[in-house]
Amino acid sequence: MCTFGGGMTKMKSHLHLLAWLAGLLIALPVPARAQDSTGLAVRADSTAFSTLAPEQLADTLIAIARTYIGTPYRLGAEGPQAYDCSSFVRQVYSEIGIDIPRYTATQIKAGREISNVQELQRGDLVFFGKKKGVKDIGHIGIVIDVDLPRSNYTFIHCGTSAGVTIAQYSHPYFLMRYITSRRILPDFETSSR
């Protein structure tokens, strides 16, 4: 099979992972569009979105995101060889059938705001400023684990120095730049965050 820089192979592996995690065989027709309760476009063929519990959907999203670890950062890139922070988040969400906007300036309007770190759940989007204390959005990541007793969380993102990697909110760099969080996925049961 001829591939373009491994992109098609990587895309197929993500789809197979999604099918395996969902325990389903999925067909891949040209997707139709529908709106979910947040107003986001959801592909009608999105087996994961329509059949998985919110916790399983988040776990699938995170498993897909982790397969990109080590993919390099390049400003304006949309994959598959490299991504910027917002295109990485968009790509991962698209693989579970949820289309979110391309840029952080519009991604910050998707879903609903989560105003308290104590309310975060896996799969939520976290936004950071370009500079310490500045509210101008400059970066985005996806929450992959939440430590409620410490008001801390782990997130995956595509950063300028390491590409797709995992970071801690408690790191001073992110702690001083945090702006807000948004929820795209449905709410978990309280005990599952």
Protein backbone atom coordinates (compact mmCIF):
# COMPACT_ATOMS: atom_id res chain seq x y z
CA MET A 1 0.00 0.00 0.00
CA CYS A 2 1.31 3.42 -0.88
CA THR A 3 1.11 5.95 1.93
CA PHE A 4 1.92 9.61 2.20
CA GLY A 5 4.42 9.80 5.03
CA GLY A 6 2.60 7.09 6.98
CA GLY A 7 -0.49 9.26 7.33
CA MET A 8 -2.96 6.76 5.88
CA THR A 9 -1.45 3.94 7.92
CA LYS A 10 -1.66 6.04 11.08
CA MET A 11 -5.24 7.02 10.30
CA LYS A 12 -6.23 3.39 9.78
CA SER A 13 -4.54 2.37 13.03
CA HIS A 14 -6.53 5.03 14.91
CA LEU A 15 -9.78 3.83 13.38
CA HIS A 16 -8.94 0.22 14.23
CA LEU A 17 -8.11 1.27 17.79
CA LEU A 18 -11.42 3.06 18.05
CA ALA A 19 -13.29 0.02 16.74
CA TRP A 20 -11.42 -2.27 19.12
CA LEU A 21 -12.07 -0.05 22.14
CA ALA A 22 -15.73 0.23 21.28
CA GLY A 23 -15.91 -3.51 20.75
CA LEU A 24 -17.58 -2.90 17.41
CA LEU A 25 -16.87 -3.27 13.74
CA ILE A 26 -17.50 0.05 12.06
CA ALA A 27 -18.11 0.94 8.47
CA LEU A 28 -16.68 4.17 7.19
CA PRO A 29 -19.20 5.76 4.79
CA VAL A 30 -19.03 9.39 3.79
CA PRO A 31 -20.26 10.98 7.02
CA ALA A 32 -23.53 12.84 7.32
CA ARG A 33 -23.71 15.69 9.83
CA ALA A 34 -25.95 16.15 12.85
CA GLN A 35 -25.82 18.48 15.84
CA ASP A 36 -25.35 17.26 19.40
CA SER A 37 -26.74 19.05 22.44
CA THR A 38 -23.80 21.50 22.51
CA GLY A 39 -24.33 22.53 18.88
CA LEU A 40 -21.16 20.79 17.68
CA ALA A 41 -21.25 18.84 14.46
CA VAL A 42 -21.30 15.10 15.12
CA ARG A 43 -20.93 12.65 12.25
CA ALA A 44 -23.97 10.44 11.92
CA ASP A 45 -21.69 7.42 11.47
CA SER A 46 -19.98 8.10 14.80
CA THR A 47 -20.44 4.72 16.46
CA ALA A 48 -18.33 5.76 19.44
CA PHE A 49 -20.30 8.91 20.20
CA SER A 50 -23.67 7.21 19.95
CA THR A 51 -22.91 3.92 21.74
CA LEU A 52 -20.30 4.56 24.42
CA ALA A 53 -20.89 5.90 27.93
CA PRO A 54 -19.25 9.32 28.49
CA GLU A 55 -16.40 7.73 30.51
CA GLN A 56 -15.69 5.20 27.73
CA LEU A 57 -15.83 7.94 25.12
CA ALA A 58 -13.23 9.93 27.09
CA ASP A 59 -11.04 6.84 27.46
CA THR A 60 -11.24 6.25 23.70
CA LEU A 61 -10.37 9.90 23.02
CA ILE A 62 -7.36 9.69 25.36
CA ALA A 63 -6.15 6.40 23.88
CA ILE A 64 -6.23 7.98 20.42
CA ALA A 65 -4.45 11.13 21.66
CA ARG A 66 -1.68 9.03 23.24
CA THR A 67 -0.90 7.39 19.88
CA TYR A 68 0.30 10.81 18.70
CA ILE A 69 2.93 11.23 21.45
CA GLY A 70 6.17 12.35 19.84
CA THR A 71 4.51 13.86 16.75
CA PRO A 72 6.32 17.17 16.16
CA TYR A 73 4.88 20.66 16.51
CA ARG A 74 4.77 23.05 13.58
CA LEU A 75 2.78 26.28 13.63
CA GLY A 76 -0.16 26.02 11.24
CA ALA A 77 0.37 22.30 10.58
CA GLU A 78 -2.70 20.10 10.33
CA GLY A 79 -1.05 16.66 10.30
CA PRO A 80 -0.27 13.94 9.87
CA GLN A 81 3.49 14.70 9.95
CA ALA A 82 3.12 17.58 12.43
CA TYR A 83 0.43 19.52 14.28
CA ASP A 84 0.02 22.73 16.19
CA CYS A 85 -1.85 22.67 19.50
CA SER A 86 -5.31 23.41 18.11
CA SER A 87 -5.06 21.14 15.06
CA PHE A 88 -3.93 18.27 17.31
CA VAL A 89 -7.00 18.69 19.55
CA ARG A 90 -9.27 18.98 16.52
CA GLN A 91 -7.78 15.83 14.94
CA VAL A 92 -8.21 13.73 18.08
CA TYR A 93 -11.83 14.81 18.56
CA SER A 94 -12.59 14.19 14.88
CA GLU A 95 -11.47 10.58 15.29
CA ILE A 96 -14.34 9.96 17.70
CA GLY A 97 -16.80 11.72 15.40
CA ILE A 98 -16.87 15.19 16.93
CA ASP A 99 -15.94 18.17 14.78
CA ILE A 100 -14.69 21.14 16.75
CA PRO A 101 -13.40 24.44 15.34
CA ARG A 102 -9.82 24.60 14.01
CA TYR A 103 -8.38 27.51 16.01
CA THR A 104 -8.11 28.16 19.77
CA ALA A 105 -9.95 31.48 19.38
CA THR A 106 -13.06 29.56 18.26
CA GLN A 107 -12.40 26.33 20.20
CA ILE A 108 -12.77 28.35 23.39
CA LYS A 109 -16.42 28.90 22.44
CA ALA A 110 -17.18 25.19 21.88
CA GLY A 111 -19.02 23.12 24.47
CA ARG A 112 -19.63 24.66 27.86
CA GLU A 113 -17.36 26.41 30.32
CA ILE A 114 -16.05 24.57 33.37
CA SER A 115 -15.21 27.32 35.83
CA ASN A 116 -13.72 25.21 38.62
CA VAL A 117 -10.74 22.86 38.31
CA GLN A 118 -12.54 20.58 40.80
CA GLU A 119 -15.21 19.96 38.15
CA LEU A 120 -12.84 18.83 35.38
CA GLN A 121 -13.19 15.41 33.82
CA ARG A 122 -11.11 13.42 31.32
CA GLY A 123 -11.55 14.79 27.80
CA ASP A 124 -12.14 18.42 28.83
CA LEU A 125 -10.25 21.13 26.98
CA VAL A 126 -7.88 23.41 28.92
CA PHE A 127 -6.77 26.81 27.62
CA PHE A 128 -3.66 28.81 28.47
CA GLY A 129 -2.52 32.36 27.82
CA LYS A 130 0.39 33.31 25.60
CA LYS A 131 2.14 34.95 28.51
CA LYS A 132 1.89 34.85 32.29
CA GLY A 133 -1.13 36.82 33.45
CA VAL A 134 -2.34 37.61 29.92
CA LYS A 135 -5.84 36.43 28.95
CA ASP A 136 -4.99 36.19 25.22
CA ILE A 137 -5.44 32.48 24.32
CA GLY A 138 -2.22 30.90 23.18
CA HIS A 139 -2.45 27.17 23.88
CA ILE A 140 -4.86 24.25 24.34
CA GLY A 141 -4.71 20.69 25.66
CA ILE A 142 -6.95 17.74 26.54
CA VAL A 143 -7.33 16.59 30.16
CA ILE A 144 -6.31 12.92 30.51
CA ASP A 145 -6.36 12.50 34.29
CA VAL A 146 -7.73 14.46 37.24
CA ASP A 147 -6.35 14.49 40.81
CA LEU A 148 -9.19 16.18 42.71
CA PRO A 149 -7.61 16.13 46.20
CA ARG A 150 -4.67 18.16 44.86
CA SER A 151 -6.70 20.29 42.41
CA ASN A 152 -4.33 19.06 39.73
CA TYR A 153 -4.73 17.42 36.36
CA THR A 154 -2.63 15.89 33.63
CA PHE A 155 -3.20 16.89 30.02
CA ILE A 156 -1.92 15.97 26.59
CA HIS A 157 -1.01 18.74 24.17
CA CYS A 158 1.16 19.62 21.21
CA GLY A 159 3.82 22.02 22.49
CA THR A 160 6.46 23.92 20.57
CA SER A 161 9.47 22.15 22.10
CA ALA A 162 8.40 18.50 22.50
CA GLY A 163 5.50 18.12 20.08
CA VAL A 164 2.70 15.92 21.39
CA THR A 165 3.47 15.22 25.03
CA ILE A 166 1.91 14.99 28.48
CA ALA A 167 2.16 17.77 31.08
CA GLN A 168 0.95 18.63 34.58
CA TYR A 169 -1.25 21.63 35.30
CA SER A 170 0.76 22.12 38.51
CA HIS A 171 3.90 22.96 36.51
CA PRO A 172 4.53 26.70 37.10
CA TYR A 173 4.58 27.41 33.36
CA PHE A 174 0.98 26.21 32.94
CA LEU A 175 -0.29 27.16 36.37
CA MET A 176 0.52 30.83 35.74
CA ARG A 177 -1.01 30.82 32.24
CA TYR A 178 -4.24 28.88 32.82
CA ILE A 179 -7.33 30.75 31.56
CA THR A 180 -10.34 28.41 31.40
CA SER A 181 -11.68 24.96 30.56
CA ARG A 182 -14.45 23.75 28.25
CA ARG A 183 -16.43 20.51 28.18
CA ILE A 184 -17.22 18.93 24.83
CA LEU A 185 -18.16 15.41 25.95
CA PRO A 186 -21.25 14.63 28.03
CA ASP A 187 -20.90 14.85 31.82
CA PHE A 188 -19.63 11.79 33.71
CA GLU A 189 -21.30 10.39 36.77
CA THR A 190 -19.75 12.26 39.74
CA SER A 191 -17.69 9.23 40.86
CA SER A 192 -16.07 8.71 37.42
CA ARG A 193 -14.21 11.97 36.85
